[in-house]
């Protein structure tokens, strides 16, 4: 699979992805975003079933990388109308979390091209950084630190594991998010969830592993280092 990652992902995790057989593609930063998250894929791209969304400015910045992604997945690049900036909520245009048919997001500040996509049912939450905050475990379960997402997901019939905060590092901020420190596979047949760092270092590691394994997913640590928010490791299948 094609692993789309922040160019600053720790070397051990990057090397492990390659050892596992993934083709690794680092994406460049966007100067409009704060430095700690300027290269985070979940801030810069959204992978819909039939296309990849990004801003006009990022299309120019990452032209070569987007061409590789489009060629590999056989999905076109589509440009959203709004433009990203460092000021919240203009930084969360693409930070929505698809879990099955549901799109968890702060709807009024999410790119309209995502919320109007027929593949999804918009599920409103109070957390703007929804993708950062969600680890999907199949189409009907998720892990999150966020109380808003946990409450809404349970109301929608999801199995939810809420875990403790402040267990993930993100240089420049007090804490990162577990969703940003894990993988997201657009192919539902992928039964692994990769963690950037050592899952055993999370205070809720045992519960996380049991939750994943109980739903047929294998949680895998990519290194022996602390869990690090890298803006999600997106695993994309080759298009046919």
C-alpha atoms as a PDB file:
ATOM      1  CA  UNK A   1       0.000   0.000   0.000  1.00  0.00           C
ATOM      2  CA  UNK A   2       0.980   3.631  -0.354  1.00  0.00           C
ATOM      3  CA  UNK A   3       1.679   5.140   3.076  1.00  0.00           C
ATOM      4  CA  UNK A   4       1.134   8.913   2.921  1.00  0.00           C
ATOM      5  CA  UNK A   5       2.917  10.571   5.831  1.00  0.00           C
ATOM      6  CA  UNK A   6       4.299  13.820   7.237  1.00  0.00           C
ATOM      7  CA  UNK A   7       7.875  14.413   6.073  1.00  0.00           C
ATOM      8  CA  UNK A   8       8.927  14.628   9.739  1.00  0.00           C
ATOM      9  CA  UNK A   9       7.709  11.198  10.814  1.00  0.00           C
ATOM     10  CA  UNK A  10      10.310   9.574  13.114  1.00  0.00           C
ATOM     11  CA  UNK A  11      12.861   7.542  11.174  1.00  0.00           C
ATOM     12  CA  UNK A  12      12.184   4.309  13.068  1.00  0.00           C
ATOM     13  CA  UNK A  13       8.486   4.392  12.197  1.00  0.00           C
ATOM     14  CA  UNK A  14       9.235   5.301   8.590  1.00  0.00           C
ATOM     15  CA  UNK A  15      11.708   2.450   8.236  1.00  0.00           C
ATOM     16  CA  UNK A  16       9.265  -0.008   9.782  1.00  0.00           C
ATOM     17  CA  UNK A  17       6.594   0.982   7.273  1.00  0.00           C
ATOM     18  CA  UNK A  18       9.043   0.175   4.499  1.00  0.00           C
ATOM     19  CA  UNK A  19      10.052  -3.099   6.149  1.00  0.00           C
ATOM     20  CA  UNK A  20       6.368  -4.066   6.221  1.00  0.00           C
ATOM     21  CA  UNK A  21       6.270  -3.622   2.449  1.00  0.00           C
ATOM     22  CA  UNK A  22       4.523  -0.259   2.181  1.00  0.00           C
ATOM     23  CA  UNK A  23       5.583   2.315  -0.362  1.00  0.00           C
ATOM     24  CA  UNK A  24       6.256   5.448   1.698  1.00  0.00           C
ATOM     25  CA  UNK A  25       5.393   8.902   0.380  1.00  0.00           C
ATOM     26  CA  UNK A  26       6.247  11.939   2.494  1.00  0.00           C
ATOM     27  CA  UNK A  27       4.299  15.096   1.719  1.00  0.00           C
ATOM     28  CA  UNK A  28       5.638  18.652   1.945  1.00  0.00           C
ATOM     29  CA  UNK A  29       4.542  21.230   4.515  1.00  0.00           C
ATOM     30  CA  UNK A  30       2.119  24.078   3.900  1.00  0.00           C
ATOM     31  CA  UNK A  31       3.572  27.411   5.058  1.00  0.00           C
ATOM     32  CA  UNK A  32       0.117  28.737   5.981  1.00  0.00           C
ATOM     33  CA  UNK A  33      -0.262  26.249   8.843  1.00  0.00           C
ATOM     34  CA  UNK A  34       1.440  26.341  12.258  1.00  0.00           C
ATOM     35  CA  UNK A  35       4.846  24.640  12.147  1.00  0.00           C
ATOM     36  CA  UNK A  36       3.936  21.646  14.378  1.00  0.00           C
ATOM     37  CA  UNK A  37       1.152  20.549  11.999  1.00  0.00           C
ATOM     38  CA  UNK A  38       2.221  22.091   8.695  1.00  0.00           C
ATOM     39  CA  UNK A  39       2.949  18.693   7.135  1.00  0.00           C
ATOM     40  CA  UNK A  40       0.144  16.689   8.702  1.00  0.00           C
ATOM     41  CA  UNK A  41      -1.795  14.799   6.021  1.00  0.00           C
ATOM     42  CA  UNK A  42      -5.053  15.003   7.981  1.00  0.00           C
ATOM     43  CA  UNK A  43      -4.837  18.815   7.807  1.00  0.00           C
ATOM     44  CA  UNK A  44      -3.892  18.956   4.119  1.00  0.00           C
ATOM     45  CA  UNK A  45      -5.732  16.130   2.354  1.00  0.00           C
ATOM     46  CA  UNK A  46      -9.001  14.233   2.536  1.00  0.00           C
ATOM     47  CA  UNK A  47      -9.290  10.815   0.939  1.00  0.00           C
ATOM     48  CA  UNK A  48     -12.859  10.248  -0.261  1.00  0.00           C
ATOM     49  CA  UNK A  49     -13.859   6.966  -1.935  1.00  0.00           C
ATOM     50  CA  UNK A  50     -13.702   8.475  -5.409  1.00  0.00           C
ATOM     51  CA  UNK A  51     -11.211  11.362  -5.141  1.00  0.00           C
ATOM     52  CA  UNK A  52      -8.622  13.194  -3.061  1.00  0.00           C
ATOM     53  CA  UNK A  53      -9.557  16.669  -1.845  1.00  0.00           C
ATOM     54  CA  UNK A  54      -7.070  19.465  -1.189  1.00  0.00           C
ATOM     55  CA  UNK A  55      -6.848  23.247  -1.423  1.00  0.00           C
ATOM     56  CA  UNK A  56      -5.733  25.131  -4.504  1.00  0.00           C
ATOM     57  CA  UNK A  57      -2.638  26.393  -2.729  1.00  0.00           C
ATOM     58  CA  UNK A  58      -1.596  22.915  -1.634  1.00  0.00           C
ATOM     59  CA  UNK A  59      -2.101  21.526  -5.112  1.00  0.00           C
ATOM     60  CA  UNK A  60       0.691  23.825  -6.236  1.00  0.00           C
ATOM     61  CA  UNK A  61       2.935  23.019  -3.279  1.00  0.00           C
ATOM     62  CA  UNK A  62       2.547  19.242  -3.525  1.00  0.00           C
ATOM     63  CA  UNK A  63       2.046  18.858  -7.264  1.00  0.00           C
ATOM     64  CA  UNK A  64       4.489  15.963  -7.641  1.00  0.00           C
ATOM     65  CA  UNK A  65       3.259  14.086  -4.564  1.00  0.00           C
ATOM     66  CA  UNK A  66      -0.395  14.498  -5.543  1.00  0.00           C
ATOM     67  CA  UNK A  67       0.403  13.175  -9.006  1.00  0.00           C
ATOM     68  CA  UNK A  68       1.918  10.063  -7.414  1.00  0.00           C
ATOM     69  CA  UNK A  69      -1.111   9.581  -5.137  1.00  0.00           C
ATOM     70  CA  UNK A  70      -3.572  10.037  -7.995  1.00  0.00           C
ATOM     71  CA  UNK A  71      -1.639   7.699 -10.283  1.00  0.00           C
ATOM     72  CA  UNK A  72      -1.337   5.033  -7.577  1.00  0.00           C
ATOM     73  CA  UNK A  73      -4.963   5.103  -6.423  1.00  0.00           C
ATOM     74  CA  UNK A  74      -6.501   5.945  -9.824  1.00  0.00           C
ATOM     75  CA  UNK A  75      -8.519   8.661  -8.065  1.00  0.00           C
ATOM     76  CA  UNK A  76      -8.513  12.272  -9.283  1.00  0.00           C
ATOM     77  CA  UNK A  77      -7.425  15.290  -7.262  1.00  0.00           C
ATOM     78  CA  UNK A  78     -10.281  17.706  -6.555  1.00  0.00           C
ATOM     79  CA  UNK A  79      -9.902  21.236  -5.258  1.00  0.00           C
ATOM     80  CA  UNK A  80     -12.102  22.616  -2.513  1.00  0.00           C
ATOM     81  CA  UNK A  81     -13.388  26.171  -2.851  1.00  0.00           C
ATOM     82  CA  UNK A  82     -12.225  27.446   0.551  1.00  0.00           C
ATOM     83  CA  UNK A  83      -8.581  28.111   1.414  1.00  0.00           C
ATOM     84  CA  UNK A  84      -6.689  26.959   4.468  1.00  0.00           C
ATOM     85  CA  UNK A  85      -4.989  29.254   6.971  1.00  0.00           C
ATOM     86  CA  UNK A  86      -3.374  29.036  10.407  1.00  0.00           C
ATOM     87  CA  UNK A  87      -6.337  30.669  12.133  1.00  0.00           C
ATOM     88  CA  UNK A  88      -8.935  28.299  13.585  1.00  0.00           C
ATOM     89  CA  UNK A  89     -11.356  27.253  12.142  1.00  0.00           C
ATOM     90  CA  UNK A  90      -9.841  27.822   8.686  1.00  0.00           C
ATOM     91  CA  UNK A  91      -7.255  25.162   9.502  1.00  0.00           C
ATOM     92  CA  UNK A  92      -9.815  22.346   9.912  1.00  0.00           C
ATOM     93  CA  UNK A  93     -11.412  22.421   6.455  1.00  0.00           C
ATOM     94  CA  UNK A  94     -10.288  18.860   5.702  1.00  0.00           C
ATOM     95  CA  UNK A  95      -9.969  17.480   9.232  1.00  0.00           C
ATOM     96  CA  UNK A  96     -13.047  15.265   9.154  1.00  0.00           C
ATOM     97  CA  UNK A  97     -13.175  11.628  10.269  1.00  0.00           C
ATOM     98  CA  UNK A  98     -14.925   9.090   8.047  1.00  0.00           C
ATOM     99  CA  UNK A  99     -16.021   5.978   9.935  1.00  0.00           C
ATOM    100  CA  UNK A 100     -18.167   3.768   7.763  1.00  0.00           C
ATOM    101  CA  UNK A 101     -20.876   5.953   6.237  1.00  0.00           C
ATOM    102  CA  UNK A 102     -20.544   8.586   8.971  1.00  0.00           C
ATOM    103  CA  UNK A 103     -18.412  11.709   8.626  1.00  0.00           C
ATOM    104  CA  UNK A 104     -17.585  13.039  12.080  1.00  0.00           C
ATOM    105  CA  UNK A 105     -16.845  16.747  11.809  1.00  0.00           C
ATOM    106  CA  UNK A 106     -17.614  20.277  12.892  1.00  0.00           C
ATOM    107  CA  UNK A 107     -19.890  20.682   9.905  1.00  0.00           C
ATOM    108  CA  UNK A 108     -20.141  24.445   9.489  1.00  0.00           C
ATOM    109  CA  UNK A 109     -16.347  24.750   9.347  1.00  0.00           C
ATOM    110  CA  UNK A 110     -15.682  21.682   7.220  1.00  0.00           C
ATOM    111  CA  UNK A 111     -15.218  22.062   3.470  1.00  0.00           C
ATOM    112  CA  UNK A 112     -18.634  21.892   1.825  1.00  0.00           C
ATOM    113  CA  UNK A 113     -17.254  19.473  -0.744  1.00  0.00           C
ATOM    114  CA  UNK A 114     -16.844  16.932   2.066  1.00  0.00           C
ATOM    115  CA  UNK A 115     -20.147  17.516   3.843  1.00  0.00           C
ATOM    116  CA  UNK A 116     -22.067  17.337   0.561  1.00  0.00           C
ATOM    117  CA  UNK A 117     -20.375  14.138  -0.589  1.00  0.00           C
ATOM    118  CA  UNK A 118     -23.017  11.455  -1.085  1.00  0.00           C
ATOM    119  CA  UNK A 119     -20.717   8.795   0.374  1.00  0.00           C
ATOM    120  CA  UNK A 120     -21.217  10.191   3.870  1.00  0.00           C
ATOM    121  CA  UNK A 121     -23.793  11.050   6.469  1.00  0.00           C
ATOM    122  CA  UNK A 122     -22.579  14.136   8.321  1.00  0.00           C
ATOM    123  CA  UNK A 123     -22.325  13.480  12.053  1.00  0.00           C
ATOM    124  CA  UNK A 124     -21.858  16.723  13.959  1.00  0.00           C
ATOM    125  CA  UNK A 125     -19.417  16.928  16.860  1.00  0.00           C
ATOM    126  CA  UNK A 126     -17.952  19.854  18.809  1.00  0.00           C
ATOM    127  CA  UNK A 127     -14.363  18.806  18.093  1.00  0.00           C
ATOM    128  CA  UNK A 128     -12.918  20.645  15.090  1.00  0.00           C
ATOM    129  CA  UNK A 129      -9.912  18.327  14.818  1.00  0.00           C
ATOM    130  CA  UNK A 130     -12.111  15.293  14.305  1.00  0.00           C
ATOM    131  CA  UNK A 131      -9.750  13.153  12.216  1.00  0.00           C
ATOM    132  CA  UNK A 132      -6.907  13.784  14.664  1.00  0.00           C
ATOM    133  CA  UNK A 133      -9.206  12.644  17.464  1.00  0.00           C
ATOM    134  CA  UNK A 134     -10.562   9.389  16.025  1.00  0.00           C
ATOM    135  CA  UNK A 135      -9.074   5.940  15.525  1.00  0.00           C
ATOM    136  CA  UNK A 136     -11.624   4.042  13.404  1.00  0.00           C
ATOM    137  CA  UNK A 137     -11.840   0.344  14.236  1.00  0.00           C
ATOM    138  CA  UNK A 138     -13.874  -0.906  11.304  1.00  0.00           C
ATOM    139  CA  UNK A 139     -17.110   0.734  10.219  1.00  0.00           C
ATOM    140  CA  UNK A 140     -18.948   0.605  13.554  1.00  0.00           C
ATOM    141  CA  UNK A 141     -16.395   1.250  16.275  1.00  0.00           C
ATOM    142  CA  UNK A 142     -13.868   3.908  17.212  1.00  0.00           C
ATOM    143  CA  UNK A 143     -11.356   4.991  19.825  1.00  0.00           C
ATOM    144  CA  UNK A 144     -11.179   8.622  20.928  1.00  0.00           C
ATOM    145  CA  UNK A 145     -10.016  10.905  23.727  1.00  0.00           C
ATOM    146  CA  UNK A 146     -12.763  13.404  22.920  1.00  0.00           C
ATOM    147  CA  UNK A 147     -15.977  13.422  25.028  1.00  0.00           C
ATOM    148  CA  UNK A 148     -18.044  15.084  22.285  1.00  0.00           C
ATOM    149  CA  UNK A 149     -17.123  12.452  19.730  1.00  0.00           C
ATOM    150  CA  UNK A 150     -17.603   9.611  22.228  1.00  0.00           C
ATOM    151  CA  UNK A 151     -21.098  10.796  23.174  1.00  0.00           C
ATOM    152  CA  UNK A 152     -22.313  11.342  19.620  1.00  0.00           C
ATOM    153  CA  UNK A 153     -20.806   8.069  18.382  1.00  0.00           C
ATOM    154  CA  UNK A 154     -22.565   6.090  21.117  1.00  0.00           C
ATOM    155  CA  UNK A 155     -25.843   7.806  20.239  1.00  0.00           C
ATOM    156  CA  UNK A 156     -25.341   6.642  16.644  1.00  0.00           C
ATOM    157  CA  UNK A 157     -24.853   3.054  17.779  1.00  0.00           C
ATOM    158  CA  UNK A 158     -21.056   2.870  17.593  1.00  0.00           C
ATOM    159  CA  UNK A 159     -18.933   0.834  19.944  1.00  0.00           C
ATOM    160  CA  UNK A 160     -16.681   3.416  21.586  1.00  0.00           C
ATOM    161  CA  UNK A 161     -13.544   3.222  23.673  1.00  0.00           C
ATOM    162  CA  UNK A 162     -12.729   6.543  25.303  1.00  0.00           C
ATOM    163  CA  UNK A 163      -9.107   6.789  26.378  1.00  0.00           C
ATOM    164  CA  UNK A 164      -7.090   9.205  28.456  1.00  0.00           C
ATOM    165  CA  UNK A 165      -5.580  12.412  27.078  1.00  0.00           C
ATOM    166  CA  UNK A 166      -1.974  13.632  27.288  1.00  0.00           C
ATOM    167  CA  UNK A 167      -0.540  10.278  26.200  1.00  0.00           C
ATOM    168  CA  UNK A 168       0.644  11.334  22.730  1.00  0.00           C
ATOM    169  CA  UNK A 169       3.472  13.723  21.919  1.00  0.00           C
ATOM    170  CA  UNK A 170       3.343  16.551  19.377  1.00  0.00           C
ATOM    171  CA  UNK A 171       6.301  18.911  19.371  1.00  0.00           C
ATOM    172  CA  UNK A 172       5.178  22.493  19.893  1.00  0.00           C
ATOM    173  CA  UNK A 173       1.977  21.558  21.751  1.00  0.00           C
ATOM    174  CA  UNK A 174       1.194  20.186  25.184  1.00  0.00           C
ATOM    175  CA  UNK A 175      -0.237  17.015  23.688  1.00  0.00           C
ATOM    176  CA  UNK A 176      -1.176  15.302  20.461  1.00  0.00           C
ATOM    177  CA  UNK A 177      -4.072  13.046  19.464  1.00  0.00           C
ATOM    178  CA  UNK A 178      -4.177   9.257  19.228  1.00  0.00           C
ATOM    179  CA  UNK A 179      -5.936   9.414  15.854  1.00  0.00           C
ATOM    180  CA  UNK A 180      -3.037  11.451  14.521  1.00  0.00           C
ATOM    181  CA  UNK A 181      -0.609   8.857  15.899  1.00  0.00           C
ATOM    182  CA  UNK A 182      -2.287   5.943  14.117  1.00  0.00           C
ATOM    183  CA  UNK A 183      -3.015   4.696  10.627  1.00  0.00           C
ATOM    184  CA  UNK A 184      -6.180   5.004   8.597  1.00  0.00           C
ATOM    185  CA  UNK A 185      -6.713   2.588   5.711  1.00  0.00           C
ATOM    186  CA  UNK A 186      -9.163   3.511   2.989  1.00  0.00           C
ATOM    187  CA  UNK A 187      -9.466  -0.201   2.130  1.00  0.00           C
ATOM    188  CA  UNK A 188     -11.836  -1.858   4.609  1.00  0.00           C
ATOM    189  CA  UNK A 189     -10.085  -5.208   4.090  1.00  0.00           C
ATOM    190  CA  UNK A 190      -6.990  -3.952   5.915  1.00  0.00           C
ATOM    191  CA  UNK A 191      -7.142  -5.489   9.384  1.00  0.00           C
ATOM    192  CA  UNK A 192      -4.184  -3.725  10.976  1.00  0.00           C
ATOM    193  CA  UNK A 193      -4.000  -0.457  12.881  1.00  0.00           C
ATOM    194  CA  UNK A 194      -0.482   0.948  13.004  1.00  0.00           C
ATOM    195  CA  UNK A 195       0.679   3.225  15.799  1.00  0.00           C
ATOM    196  CA  UNK A 196       3.497   5.719  15.353  1.00  0.00           C
ATOM    197  CA  UNK A 197       5.534   4.735  18.377  1.00  0.00           C
ATOM    198  CA  UNK A 198       5.041   2.126  21.067  1.00  0.00           C
ATOM    199  CA  UNK A 199       1.413   1.498  21.976  1.00  0.00           C
ATOM    200  CA  UNK A 200       2.561  -0.176  25.200  1.00  0.00           C
ATOM    201  CA  UNK A 201       3.536   3.281  26.509  1.00  0.00           C
ATOM    202  CA  UNK A 202      -0.075   4.471  26.425  1.00  0.00           C
ATOM    203  CA  UNK A 203      -1.759   4.259  29.864  1.00  0.00           C
ATOM    204  CA  UNK A 204      -4.755   2.560  28.246  1.00  0.00           C
ATOM    205  CA  UNK A 205      -2.701   0.211  26.076  1.00  0.00           C
ATOM    206  CA  UNK A 206      -4.359  -2.957  27.368  1.00  0.00           C
ATOM    207  CA  UNK A 207      -7.860  -1.614  26.707  1.00  0.00           C
ATOM    208  CA  UNK A 208      -6.874  -0.346  23.258  1.00  0.00           C
ATOM    209  CA  UNK A 209      -5.394  -3.677  22.244  1.00  0.00           C
ATOM    210  CA  UNK A 210      -8.387  -5.616  23.543  1.00  0.00           C
ATOM    211  CA  UNK A 211     -10.804  -3.271  21.753  1.00  0.00           C
ATOM    212  CA  UNK A 212      -8.970  -3.663  18.438  1.00  0.00           C
ATOM    213  CA  UNK A 213      -8.408  -7.418  18.700  1.00  0.00           C
ATOM    214  CA  UNK A 214     -12.007  -7.976  19.753  1.00  0.00           C
ATOM    215  CA  UNK A 215     -13.117  -6.501  16.435  1.00  0.00           C
ATOM    216  CA  UNK A 216     -10.622  -8.370  14.299  1.00  0.00           C
ATOM    217  CA  UNK A 217      -7.952  -5.680  14.038  1.00  0.00           C
ATOM    218  CA  UNK A 218      -4.306  -6.173  14.900  1.00  0.00           C
ATOM    219  CA  UNK A 219      -2.726  -3.171  16.694  1.00  0.00           C
ATOM    220  CA  UNK A 220       0.921  -2.805  15.660  1.00  0.00           C
ATOM    221  CA  UNK A 221       3.565  -0.512  17.144  1.00  0.00           C
ATOM    222  CA  UNK A 222       5.941   0.920  14.544  1.00  0.00           C
ATOM    223  CA  UNK A 223       8.765   1.622  16.995  1.00  0.00           C
ATOM    224  CA  UNK A 224       9.852   1.568  20.623  1.00  0.00           C
ATOM    225  CA  UNK A 225       9.503   5.351  20.920  1.00  0.00           C
ATOM    226  CA  UNK A 226       6.724   7.443  22.535  1.00  0.00           C
ATOM    227  CA  UNK A 227       3.475   7.675  20.583  1.00  0.00           C
ATOM    228  CA  UNK A 228       3.754  10.671  18.252  1.00  0.00           C
ATOM    229  CA  UNK A 229       1.012  12.586  16.455  1.00  0.00           C
ATOM    230  CA  UNK A 230       2.122  12.765  12.823  1.00  0.00           C
ATOM    231  CA  UNK A 231      -1.222  13.763  11.344  1.00  0.00           C
ATOM    232  CA  UNK A 232      -2.369  10.210  10.588  1.00  0.00           C
ATOM    233  CA  UNK A 233      -0.616   7.564   8.503  1.00  0.00           C
ATOM    234  CA  UNK A 234      -2.893   7.122   5.499  1.00  0.00           C
ATOM    235  CA  UNK A 235      -2.704   3.696   3.884  1.00  0.00           C
ATOM    236  CA  UNK A 236      -4.001   3.754   0.324  1.00  0.00           C
ATOM    237  CA  UNK A 237      -4.615   0.726  -1.912  1.00  0.00           C
ATOM    238  CA  UNK A 238      -3.457   0.612  -5.497  1.00  0.00           C
ATOM    239  CA  UNK A 239      -6.286   1.439  -7.883  1.00  0.00           C
ATOM    240  CA  UNK A 240      -7.320  -0.906 -10.674  1.00  0.00           C
END
